[in-house]
Amino acid sequence: MTITNRTIGSLSVTPIGLGAMPFSMSDGELPPEERAIATVHAALDAGITFIDTADIYAPSGPEMGHNERLIAKALKEYGGRPENLVIASKGGITRDGDKWGRDGSEEYFRSAVEKSLKALGVDQIDLYYWHRPDRSRPYADGVKALAALKADGLIKEIGISNANTEEIQVAIDVLGEGGLAAVQNEFSPRFHHTSKKELDFCGQHGVAFLPWSPLGGTGGRAKKVGEKYPAIMQAAEAHGVSPQQVTLAWELSLGTHVIPIPGASRPESITDSAKAMTLELSKDELDAINAAIF
C-alpha cells in the first residue's frame, strides 16, 4: 500500500508523526539521550516526515527548550535535516520553578518563538501552535499575535492546541478560511467525549486535526488498548499486527485531515506505529471498532 501524504495548510506530511514529548517529560524515568536520538532516527528511517515538539517539553523550568534542542541534535547526527521533514513546536505555557502559567500575549509569543528558532537551529518554524488558552485575555488576541509572527516570516503555518469548537471558530474568524492550519487535541479510544466533535468540526473547515496521546496516554494505557477494546484486539490478531497499529489505523480512517502523533521513547515503538500508515482495515473491522468506542 502506498503512503499518501496529508496536508497541514501548505505543508505535506506523512499520516503519522512522531510525538517527541516522552524524550523530555515522563511519569517515570526519562530515556537516555542516546535512545531518544535513536528514536528520532528510527522515525525518519520508517519514512515519517513530521515531528512534534514544544518549548515546555523539559525536565524542569530552567531547561525550557530541552526537547527542541534534542531534536536539533538528533537531526544533526542523522546527517542533517531531511528536506521533506516538517517540525511543529508550541508556546504559550510558562514555567517558573514549579509554577506553571499561561501567557498568550504577542510579546510573550514573540520571545518564545525566537527562543524556539534558536533551539531548533532554524530560521522559520514550519507549524507553531498556541499550546493552551490564556483565559486572562480574549482568545482572538492570542490568534492575532500568531498572525503577526506569520506575517513577519517567523512561522509558516498557525495551529492551536487544546481548543474547543468555539475557540477553533474564533481562530478561523480571525485568520479567515484556510488561515488556521491545524488543531492538536487529545483524542484516543479512551478520550473522545469532546474531541470527536472537534475532530469533525476541523474536517468541515479543512483544518488538520492532530490527536495527541492517540493511544491513550502514559501510565500503561497505551499498552492496554487491545485489552480494553476487544474489537481492536480482534483486528490486530486478524492482521498479525499490534493493537497499537490498529488503533492508529482506525484513527486515520476518521478523516483524511487526521494525523495522529504517537509519543515514543524507544525506536521499536515508533517503528511499529509507522506501520499503521499502510495497514488497511476492513469496513466490518472499522464498524466494529466504532461501535465499541462511540
C-alpha atoms as a PDB file:
ATOM      1  CA  MET A   1       0.000   0.000   0.000  1.00  0.00           C
ATOM      2  CA  THR A   2       1.375   3.388  -0.995  1.00  0.00           C
ATOM      3  CA  ILE A   3       1.555   6.055   1.692  1.00  0.00           C
ATOM      4  CA  THR A   4      -0.465   9.128   0.751  1.00  0.00           C
ATOM      5  CA  ASN A   5       0.632  12.301   2.481  1.00  0.00           C
ATOM      6  CA  ARG A   6      -1.801  14.524   4.340  1.00  0.00           C
ATOM      7  CA  THR A   7      -1.832  18.308   4.444  1.00  0.00           C
ATOM      8  CA  ILE A   8      -1.405  20.863   7.207  1.00  0.00           C
ATOM      9  CA  GLY A   9      -2.067  24.154   5.490  1.00  0.00           C
ATOM     10  CA  SER A  10       0.644  24.421   2.832  1.00  0.00           C
ATOM     11  CA  LEU A  11       2.635  21.590   4.397  1.00  0.00           C
ATOM     12  CA  SER A  12       2.639  17.965   3.260  1.00  0.00           C
ATOM     13  CA  VAL A  13       3.361  15.266   5.854  1.00  0.00           C
ATOM     14  CA  THR A  14       3.033  11.549   6.389  1.00  0.00           C
ATOM     15  CA  PRO A  15      -0.230  10.378   8.030  1.00  0.00           C
ATOM     16  CA  ILE A  16       1.625   9.502  11.243  1.00  0.00           C
ATOM     17  CA  GLY A  17       4.007  11.847  13.054  1.00  0.00           C
ATOM     18  CA  LEU A  18       6.398  11.444  15.970  1.00  0.00           C
ATOM     19  CA  GLY A  19       5.392  12.989  19.284  1.00  0.00           C
ATOM     20  CA  ALA A  20       8.695  13.855  20.956  1.00  0.00           C
ATOM     21  CA  MET A  21       7.440  14.807  24.428  1.00  0.00           C
ATOM     22  CA  PRO A  22       8.459  11.484  26.089  1.00  0.00           C
ATOM     23  CA  PHE A  23      12.118  12.381  25.495  1.00  0.00           C
ATOM     24  CA  SER A  24      11.840  15.230  27.996  1.00  0.00           C
ATOM     25  CA  MET A  25       8.784  14.608  30.198  1.00  0.00           C
ATOM     26  CA  SER A  26       7.651  11.293  31.644  1.00  0.00           C
ATOM     27  CA  ASP A  27       5.723   9.703  34.502  1.00  0.00           C
ATOM     28  CA  GLY A  28       8.841   7.628  35.131  1.00  0.00           C
ATOM     29  CA  GLU A  29      12.486   7.917  34.171  1.00  0.00           C
ATOM     30  CA  LEU A  30      13.408   9.776  31.026  1.00  0.00           C
ATOM     31  CA  PRO A  31      15.062   7.750  28.273  1.00  0.00           C
ATOM     32  CA  PRO A  32      18.814   8.126  27.897  1.00  0.00           C
ATOM     33  CA  GLU A  33      19.676  10.773  25.330  1.00  0.00           C
ATOM     34  CA  GLU A  34      21.210   8.152  23.039  1.00  0.00           C
ATOM     35  CA  ARG A  35      17.933   6.220  22.944  1.00  0.00           C
ATOM     36  CA  ALA A  36      15.897   9.375  22.321  1.00  0.00           C
ATOM     37  CA  ILE A  37      18.144  10.258  19.394  1.00  0.00           C
ATOM     38  CA  ALA A  38      17.895   6.692  18.089  1.00  0.00           C
ATOM     39  CA  THR A  39      14.094   7.008  18.249  1.00  0.00           C
ATOM     40  CA  VAL A  40      14.165  10.123  16.066  1.00  0.00           C
ATOM     41  CA  HIS A  41      16.418   8.305  13.603  1.00  0.00           C
ATOM     42  CA  ALA A  42      14.090   5.279  13.610  1.00  0.00           C
ATOM     43  CA  ALA A  43      11.127   7.544  12.804  1.00  0.00           C
ATOM     44  CA  LEU A  44      12.967   9.050   9.854  1.00  0.00           C
ATOM     45  CA  ASP A  45      14.098   5.613   8.661  1.00  0.00           C
ATOM     46  CA  ALA A  46      10.466   4.464   8.809  1.00  0.00           C
ATOM     47  CA  GLY A  47       9.512   7.286   6.451  1.00  0.00           C
ATOM     48  CA  ILE A  48       7.896   9.640   8.965  1.00  0.00           C
ATOM     49  CA  THR A  49       8.202  13.285   7.884  1.00  0.00           C
ATOM     50  CA  PHE A  50       6.600  15.073  10.827  1.00  0.00           C
ATOM     51  CA  ILE A  51       7.962  15.687  14.335  1.00  0.00           C
ATOM     52  CA  ASP A  52       6.024  17.432  17.086  1.00  0.00           C
ATOM     53  CA  THR A  53       7.798  19.232  19.923  1.00  0.00           C
ATOM     54  CA  ALA A  54       7.235  22.224  22.256  1.00  0.00           C
ATOM     55  CA  ASP A  55       9.281  24.655  24.283  1.00  0.00           C
ATOM     56  CA  ILE A  56       7.663  23.433  27.501  1.00  0.00           C
ATOM     57  CA  TYR A  57       8.794  19.838  26.993  1.00  0.00           C
ATOM     58  CA  ALA A  58      11.616  19.822  29.519  1.00  0.00           C
ATOM     59  CA  PRO A  59      12.543  18.063  32.769  1.00  0.00           C
ATOM     60  CA  SER A  60      12.336  21.383  34.653  1.00  0.00           C
ATOM     61  CA  GLY A  61      11.549  25.065  34.154  1.00  0.00           C
ATOM     62  CA  PRO A  62      15.170  26.172  33.749  1.00  0.00           C
ATOM     63  CA  GLU A  63      15.573  23.590  30.974  1.00  0.00           C
ATOM     64  CA  MET A  64      12.844  25.029  28.727  1.00  0.00           C
ATOM     65  CA  GLY A  65      13.663  24.143  25.119  1.00  0.00           C
ATOM     66  CA  HIS A  66      15.217  20.808  26.126  1.00  0.00           C
ATOM     67  CA  ASN A  67      13.103  18.824  23.672  1.00  0.00           C
ATOM     68  CA  GLU A  68      13.694  21.233  20.801  1.00  0.00           C
ATOM     69  CA  ARG A  69      17.462  21.145  21.344  1.00  0.00           C
ATOM     70  CA  LEU A  70      17.371  17.351  21.456  1.00  0.00           C
ATOM     71  CA  ILE A  71      15.512  17.208  18.138  1.00  0.00           C
ATOM     72  CA  ALA A  72      18.109  19.539  16.603  1.00  0.00           C
ATOM     73  CA  LYS A  73      20.939  17.354  17.894  1.00  0.00           C
ATOM     74  CA  ALA A  74      19.282  14.189  16.591  1.00  0.00           C
ATOM     75  CA  LEU A  75      18.883  15.695  13.125  1.00  0.00           C
ATOM     76  CA  LYS A  76      22.498  16.848  13.083  1.00  0.00           C
ATOM     77  CA  GLU A  77      23.670  13.351  13.991  1.00  0.00           C
ATOM     78  CA  TYR A  78      21.385  11.937  11.286  1.00  0.00           C
ATOM     79  CA  GLY A  79      23.460  13.816   8.750  1.00  0.00           C
ATOM     80  CA  GLY A  80      21.221  16.850   8.584  1.00  0.00           C
ATOM     81  CA  ARG A  81      17.538  17.581   8.403  1.00  0.00           C
ATOM     82  CA  PRO A  82      15.760  15.785   5.542  1.00  0.00           C
ATOM     83  CA  GLU A  83      14.321  18.270   3.039  1.00  0.00           C
ATOM     84  CA  ASN A  84      10.798  16.903   3.430  1.00  0.00           C
ATOM     85  CA  LEU A  85      10.778  16.969   7.241  1.00  0.00           C
ATOM     86  CA  VAL A  86       8.210  19.222   8.928  1.00  0.00           C
ATOM     87  CA  ILE A  87       8.740  20.291  12.541  1.00  0.00           C
ATOM     88  CA  ALA A  88       5.994  21.705  14.745  1.00  0.00           C
ATOM     89  CA  SER A  89       6.519  23.467  18.036  1.00  0.00           C
ATOM     90  CA  LYS A  90       4.262  25.153  20.572  1.00  0.00           C
ATOM     91  CA  GLY A  91       4.298  28.055  23.009  1.00  0.00           C
ATOM     92  CA  GLY A  92       2.108  29.909  25.446  1.00  0.00           C
ATOM     93  CA  ILE A  93       2.753  27.921  28.623  1.00  0.00           C
ATOM     94  CA  THR A  94       5.161  29.385  31.167  1.00  0.00           C
ATOM     95  CA  ARG A  95       7.264  27.687  33.827  1.00  0.00           C
ATOM     96  CA  ASP A  96       8.804  29.486  36.775  1.00  0.00           C
ATOM     97  CA  GLY A  97      10.339  26.867  39.011  1.00  0.00           C
ATOM     98  CA  ASP A  98       7.478  24.508  39.892  1.00  0.00           C
ATOM     99  CA  LYS A  99       4.877  27.133  38.986  1.00  0.00           C
ATOM    100  CA  TRP A 100       3.093  26.730  35.666  1.00  0.00           C
ATOM    101  CA  GLY A 101       1.220  29.529  33.933  1.00  0.00           C
ATOM    102  CA  ARG A 102      -0.166  30.822  30.624  1.00  0.00           C
ATOM    103  CA  ASP A 103       0.763  33.831  28.536  1.00  0.00           C
ATOM    104  CA  GLY A 104      -0.913  34.487  25.196  1.00  0.00           C
ATOM    105  CA  SER A 105       0.422  37.985  24.666  1.00  0.00           C
ATOM    106  CA  GLU A 106       2.192  38.953  21.469  1.00  0.00           C
ATOM    107  CA  GLU A 107       5.263  39.954  23.476  1.00  0.00           C
ATOM    108  CA  TYR A 108       5.495  36.522  25.065  1.00  0.00           C
ATOM    109  CA  PHE A 109       4.830  34.648  21.838  1.00  0.00           C
ATOM    110  CA  ARG A 110       7.492  36.626  20.004  1.00  0.00           C
ATOM    111  CA  SER A 111      10.049  35.904  22.731  1.00  0.00           C
ATOM    112  CA  ALA A 112       9.077  32.231  22.846  1.00  0.00           C
ATOM    113  CA  VAL A 113       9.291  31.819  19.058  1.00  0.00           C
ATOM    114  CA  GLU A 114      12.719  33.440  18.947  1.00  0.00           C
ATOM    115  CA  LYS A 115      13.942  31.005  21.618  1.00  0.00           C
ATOM    116  CA  SER A 116      12.423  28.050  19.750  1.00  0.00           C
ATOM    117  CA  LEU A 117      14.072  29.140  16.495  1.00  0.00           C
ATOM    118  CA  LYS A 118      17.424  29.176  18.252  1.00  0.00           C
ATOM    119  CA  ALA A 119      16.854  25.836  19.990  1.00  0.00           C
ATOM    120  CA  LEU A 120      15.815  24.138  16.748  1.00  0.00           C
ATOM    121  CA  GLY A 121      18.528  25.860  14.718  1.00  0.00           C
ATOM    122  CA  VAL A 122      16.108  27.089  12.056  1.00  0.00           C
ATOM    123  CA  ASP A 123      15.093  30.420  10.527  1.00  0.00           C
ATOM    124  CA  GLN A 124      11.382  29.628  10.433  1.00  0.00           C
ATOM    125  CA  ILE A 125       9.163  27.214  12.341  1.00  0.00           C
ATOM    126  CA  ASP A 126       7.020  25.163   9.968  1.00  0.00           C
ATOM    127  CA  LEU A 127       3.977  24.929  12.238  1.00  0.00           C
ATOM    128  CA  TYR A 128       3.575  26.817  15.503  1.00  0.00           C
ATOM    129  CA  TYR A 129       0.733  26.186  17.957  1.00  0.00           C
ATOM    130  CA  TRP A 130      -0.756  28.193  20.766  1.00  0.00           C
ATOM    131  CA  HIS A 131      -0.219  25.422  23.327  1.00  0.00           C
ATOM    132  CA  ARG A 132      -3.023  26.160  25.797  1.00  0.00           C
ATOM    133  CA  PRO A 133      -5.505  29.044  26.076  1.00  0.00           C
ATOM    134  CA  ASP A 134      -4.668  32.001  28.291  1.00  0.00           C
ATOM    135  CA  ARG A 135      -8.015  32.648  29.984  1.00  0.00           C
ATOM    136  CA  SER A 136      -6.887  36.082  31.147  1.00  0.00           C
ATOM    137  CA  ARG A 137      -7.262  37.569  27.663  1.00  0.00           C
ATOM    138  CA  PRO A 138      -9.634  37.316  24.678  1.00  0.00           C
ATOM    139  CA  TYR A 139      -8.853  34.247  22.574  1.00  0.00           C
ATOM    140  CA  ALA A 140      -8.840  36.313  19.397  1.00  0.00           C
ATOM    141  CA  ASP A 141      -5.941  38.401  20.719  1.00  0.00           C
ATOM    142  CA  GLY A 142      -3.690  35.353  21.020  1.00  0.00           C
ATOM    143  CA  VAL A 143      -4.562  34.260  17.488  1.00  0.00           C
ATOM    144  CA  LYS A 144      -3.795  37.753  16.205  1.00  0.00           C
ATOM    145  CA  ALA A 145      -0.392  37.527  17.918  1.00  0.00           C
ATOM    146  CA  LEU A 146       0.382  34.360  15.967  1.00  0.00           C
ATOM    147  CA  ALA A 147      -0.802  36.013  12.762  1.00  0.00           C
ATOM    148  CA  ALA A 148       1.715  38.805  13.356  1.00  0.00           C
ATOM    149  CA  LEU A 149       4.511  36.272  13.738  1.00  0.00           C
ATOM    150  CA  LYS A 150       3.460  34.608  10.488  1.00  0.00           C
ATOM    151  CA  ALA A 151       3.382  37.976   8.729  1.00  0.00           C
ATOM    152  CA  ASP A 152       6.945  38.561   9.921  1.00  0.00           C
ATOM    153  CA  GLY A 153       8.048  35.209   8.489  1.00  0.00           C
ATOM    154  CA  LEU A 154       8.972  33.625  11.822  1.00  0.00           C
ATOM    155  CA  ILE A 155       6.387  30.856  11.453  1.00  0.00           C
ATOM    156  CA  LYS A 156       4.962  29.311   8.300  1.00  0.00           C
ATOM    157  CA  GLU A 157       1.640  27.899   9.497  1.00  0.00           C
ATOM    158  CA  ILE A 158      -0.550  28.589  12.534  1.00  0.00           C
ATOM    159  CA  GLY A 159      -2.049  25.988  14.838  1.00  0.00           C
ATOM    160  CA  ILE A 160      -3.913  25.923  18.134  1.00  0.00           C
ATOM    161  CA  SER A 161      -3.884  23.175  20.735  1.00  0.00           C
ATOM    162  CA  ASN A 162      -6.280  22.063  23.467  1.00  0.00           C
ATOM    163  CA  ALA A 163      -9.008  24.170  21.891  1.00  0.00           C
ATOM    164  CA  ASN A 164     -12.761  23.674  21.897  1.00  0.00           C
ATOM    165  CA  THR A 165     -15.005  24.228  18.894  1.00  0.00           C
ATOM    166  CA  GLU A 166     -15.797  27.802  19.925  1.00  0.00           C
ATOM    167  CA  GLU A 167     -12.090  28.652  20.080  1.00  0.00           C
ATOM    168  CA  ILE A 168     -11.478  26.925  16.768  1.00  0.00           C
ATOM    169  CA  GLN A 169     -14.216  29.071  15.229  1.00  0.00           C
ATOM    170  CA  VAL A 170     -12.691  32.224  16.731  1.00  0.00           C
ATOM    171  CA  ALA A 171      -9.338  31.318  15.162  1.00  0.00           C
ATOM    172  CA  ILE A 172     -10.986  30.742  11.790  1.00  0.00           C
ATOM    173  CA  ASP A 173     -12.828  34.062  12.083  1.00  0.00           C
ATOM    174  CA  VAL A 174      -9.592  35.915  12.867  1.00  0.00           C
ATOM    175  CA  LEU A 175      -7.431  34.193  10.257  1.00  0.00           C
ATOM    176  CA  GLY A 176     -10.034  33.606   7.559  1.00  0.00           C
ATOM    177  CA  GLU A 177     -10.917  30.280   5.973  1.00  0.00           C
ATOM    178  CA  GLY A 178      -7.679  28.428   5.274  1.00  0.00           C
ATOM    179  CA  GLY A 179      -5.695  30.530   7.722  1.00  0.00           C
ATOM    180  CA  LEU A 180      -5.835  28.034  10.580  1.00  0.00           C
ATOM    181  CA  ALA A 181      -3.700  25.067   9.566  1.00  0.00           C
ATOM    182  CA  ALA A 182      -4.105  22.679  12.486  1.00  0.00           C
ATOM    183  CA  VAL A 183      -5.707  21.819  15.802  1.00  0.00           C
ATOM    184  CA  GLN A 184      -3.900  19.482  18.173  1.00  0.00           C
ATOM    185  CA  ASN A 185      -6.150  17.975  20.857  1.00  0.00           C
ATOM    186  CA  GLU A 186      -6.172  14.860  22.949  1.00  0.00           C
ATOM    187  CA  PHE A 187      -8.037  12.062  21.181  1.00  0.00           C
ATOM    188  CA  SER A 188      -7.979   8.280  21.577  1.00  0.00           C
ATOM    189  CA  PRO A 189     -10.356   5.367  22.135  1.00  0.00           C
ATOM    190  CA  ARG A 190     -10.251   6.358  25.815  1.00  0.00           C
ATOM    191  CA  PHE A 191     -10.602  10.124  25.323  1.00  0.00           C
ATOM    192  CA  HIS A 192     -13.109  11.293  22.740  1.00  0.00           C
ATOM    193  CA  HIS A 193     -16.086  12.670  24.664  1.00  0.00           C
ATOM    194  CA  THR A 194     -15.378  16.220  23.465  1.00  0.00           C
ATOM    195  CA  SER A 195     -12.625  15.819  20.915  1.00  0.00           C
ATOM    196  CA  LYS A 196     -14.639  13.783  18.408  1.00  0.00           C
ATOM    197  CA  LYS A 197     -16.811  16.853  17.953  1.00  0.00           C
ATOM    198  CA  GLU A 198     -13.670  18.947  17.456  1.00  0.00           C
ATOM    199  CA  LEU A 199     -12.233  16.379  15.021  1.00  0.00           C
ATOM    200  CA  ASP A 200     -15.396  16.551  12.919  1.00  0.00           C
ATOM    201  CA  PHE A 201     -15.547  20.352  13.120  1.00  0.00           C
ATOM    202  CA  CYS A 202     -11.987  20.593  11.785  1.00  0.00           C
ATOM    203  CA  GLY A 203     -12.866  18.280   8.907  1.00  0.00           C
ATOM    204  CA  GLN A 204     -15.759  20.529   7.936  1.00  0.00           C
ATOM    205  CA  HIS A 205     -13.440  23.542   7.775  1.00  0.00           C
ATOM    206  CA  GLY A 206     -10.409  21.994   6.077  1.00  0.00           C
ATOM    207  CA  VAL A 207      -8.275  22.145   9.222  1.00  0.00           C
ATOM    208  CA  ALA A 208      -5.865  19.312  10.054  1.00  0.00           C
ATOM    209  CA  PHE A 209      -6.655  17.545  13.342  1.00  0.00           C
ATOM    210  CA  LEU A 210      -3.686  16.036  15.163  1.00  0.00           C
ATOM    211  CA  PRO A 211      -4.550  13.713  18.060  1.00  0.00           C
ATOM    212  CA  TRP A 212      -2.072  13.789  20.929  1.00  0.00           C
ATOM    213  CA  SER A 213      -1.896  10.713  23.141  1.00  0.00           C
ATOM    214  CA  PRO A 214      -3.671   8.833  20.317  1.00  0.00           C
ATOM    215  CA  LEU A 215      -3.050   5.500  22.024  1.00  0.00           C
ATOM    216  CA  GLY A 216      -4.448   6.547  25.393  1.00  0.00           C
ATOM    217  CA  GLY A 217      -1.531   8.306  27.041  1.00  0.00           C
ATOM    218  CA  THR A 218       1.069   7.368  29.595  1.00  0.00           C
ATOM    219  CA  GLY A 219       0.737   5.209  32.685  1.00  0.00           C
ATOM    220  CA  GLY A 220       0.488   1.978  30.686  1.00  0.00           C
ATOM    221  CA  ARG A 221      -2.806   2.860  28.987  1.00  0.00           C
ATOM    222  CA  ALA A 222      -1.298   2.630  25.506  1.00  0.00           C
ATOM    223  CA  LYS A 223      -0.098  -0.898  26.243  1.00  0.00           C
ATOM    224  CA  LYS A 224      -3.582  -1.985  27.320  1.00  0.00           C
ATOM    225  CA  VAL A 225      -5.576  -0.549  24.409  1.00  0.00           C
ATOM    226  CA  GLY A 226      -6.187  -4.006  22.910  1.00  0.00           C
ATOM    227  CA  GLU A 227      -7.082  -5.463  26.279  1.00  0.00           C
ATOM    228  CA  LYS A 228      -9.635  -2.723  26.915  1.00  0.00           C
ATOM    229  CA  TYR A 229     -11.178  -2.820  23.435  1.00  0.00           C
ATOM    230  CA  PRO A 230     -11.698  -6.402  22.167  1.00  0.00           C
ATOM    231  CA  ALA A 231     -12.668  -5.160  18.682  1.00  0.00           C
ATOM    232  CA  ILE A 232      -9.204  -3.635  18.357  1.00  0.00           C
ATOM    233  CA  MET A 233      -7.552  -6.825  19.589  1.00  0.00           C
ATOM    234  CA  GLN A 234      -9.582  -8.953  17.172  1.00  0.00           C
ATOM    235  CA  ALA A 235      -8.488  -6.841  14.229  1.00  0.00           C
ATOM    236  CA  ALA A 236      -4.878  -6.940  15.433  1.00  0.00           C
ATOM    237  CA  GLU A 237      -4.935 -10.729  15.635  1.00  0.00           C
ATOM    238  CA  ALA A 238      -6.558 -10.995  12.212  1.00  0.00           C
ATOM    239  CA  HIS A 239      -3.801  -8.898  10.613  1.00  0.00           C
ATOM    240  CA  GLY A 240      -0.946 -10.179  12.752  1.00  0.00           C
ATOM    241  CA  VAL A 241      -0.096  -6.692  13.997  1.00  0.00           C
ATOM    242  CA  SER A 242      -0.102  -4.835  17.306  1.00  0.00           C
ATOM    243  CA  PRO A 243      -3.285  -3.347  18.801  1.00  0.00           C
ATOM    244  CA  GLN A 244      -1.473  -0.006  18.720  1.00  0.00           C
ATOM    245  CA  GLN A 245      -1.141  -0.215  14.939  1.00  0.00           C
ATOM    246  CA  VAL A 246      -4.834  -0.988  14.618  1.00  0.00           C
ATOM    247  CA  THR A 247      -5.739   1.948  16.868  1.00  0.00           C
ATOM    248  CA  LEU A 248      -3.749   4.380  14.749  1.00  0.00           C
ATOM    249  CA  ALA A 249      -5.133   2.939  11.500  1.00  0.00           C
ATOM    250  CA  TRP A 250      -8.660   3.348  12.893  1.00  0.00           C
ATOM    251  CA  GLU A 251      -7.951   6.990  13.726  1.00  0.00           C
ATOM    252  CA  LEU A 252      -6.639   7.565  10.206  1.00  0.00           C
ATOM    253  CA  SER A 253      -9.947   6.229   8.880  1.00  0.00           C
ATOM    254  CA  LEU A 254     -11.874   9.013  10.655  1.00  0.00           C
ATOM    255  CA  GLY A 255     -10.860  11.563   8.044  1.00  0.00           C
ATOM    256  CA  THR A 256      -8.069  12.473   5.671  1.00  0.00           C
ATOM    257  CA  HIS A 257      -7.429  15.514   7.865  1.00  0.00           C
ATOM    258  CA  VAL A 258      -6.497  13.343  10.869  1.00  0.00           C
ATOM    259  CA  ILE A 259      -2.768  12.972  11.614  1.00  0.00           C
ATOM    260  CA  PRO A 260      -2.027  11.096  14.868  1.00  0.00           C
ATOM    261  CA  ILE A 261       1.251  11.893  16.637  1.00  0.00           C
ATOM    262  CA  PRO A 262       2.014   8.949  18.931  1.00  0.00           C
ATOM    263  CA  GLY A 263       4.669   9.645  21.515  1.00  0.00           C
ATOM    264  CA  ALA A 264       7.628   7.297  21.648  1.00  0.00           C
ATOM    265  CA  SER A 265      10.782   6.898  23.682  1.00  0.00           C
ATOM    266  CA  ARG A 266      12.035   3.716  22.005  1.00  0.00           C
ATOM    267  CA  PRO A 267      12.908   3.074  18.348  1.00  0.00           C
ATOM    268  CA  GLU A 268      10.760  -0.053  18.369  1.00  0.00           C
ATOM    269  CA  SER A 269       7.656   1.897  19.362  1.00  0.00           C
ATOM    270  CA  ILE A 270       7.758   4.470  16.584  1.00  0.00           C
ATOM    271  CA  THR A 271       8.766   1.855  14.019  1.00  0.00           C
ATOM    272  CA  ASP A 272       5.652  -0.123  14.931  1.00  0.00           C
ATOM    273  CA  SER A 273       3.432   2.970  14.893  1.00  0.00           C
ATOM    274  CA  ALA A 274       4.705   3.963  11.436  1.00  0.00           C
ATOM    275  CA  LYS A 275       3.396   0.671  10.021  1.00  0.00           C
ATOM    276  CA  ALA A 276      -0.144   1.895  10.676  1.00  0.00           C
ATOM    277  CA  MET A 277       0.288   4.122   7.614  1.00  0.00           C
ATOM    278  CA  THR A 278      -0.004   1.049   5.378  1.00  0.00           C
ATOM    279  CA  LEU A 279      -2.461  -1.015   7.437  1.00  0.00           C
ATOM    280  CA  GLU A 280      -5.840  -1.412   5.730  1.00  0.00           C
ATOM    281  CA  LEU A 281      -8.723  -2.356   7.983  1.00  0.00           C
ATOM    282  CA  SER A 282     -11.916  -3.733   6.502  1.00  0.00           C
ATOM    283  CA  LYS A 283     -15.236  -1.906   6.748  1.00  0.00           C
ATOM    284  CA  ASP A 284     -16.506  -4.573   9.132  1.00  0.00           C
ATOM    285  CA  GLU A 285     -13.466  -4.126  11.368  1.00  0.00           C
ATOM    286  CA  LEU A 286     -13.851  -0.358  11.384  1.00  0.00           C
ATOM    287  CA  ASP A 287     -17.584  -0.615  12.054  1.00  0.00           C
ATOM    288  CA  ALA A 288     -16.908  -2.924  14.999  1.00  0.00           C
ATOM    289  CA  ILE A 289     -14.302  -0.572  16.467  1.00  0.00           C
ATOM    290  CA  ASN A 290     -16.535   2.461  16.004  1.00  0.00           C
ATOM    291  CA  ALA A 291     -19.446   0.648  17.670  1.00  0.00           C
ATOM    292  CA  ALA A 292     -17.253  -0.308  20.627  1.00  0.00           C
ATOM    293  CA  ILE A 293     -15.840   3.192  21.111  1.00  0.00           C
ATOM    294  CA  PHE A 294     -18.626   5.575  20.150  1.00  0.00           C
END
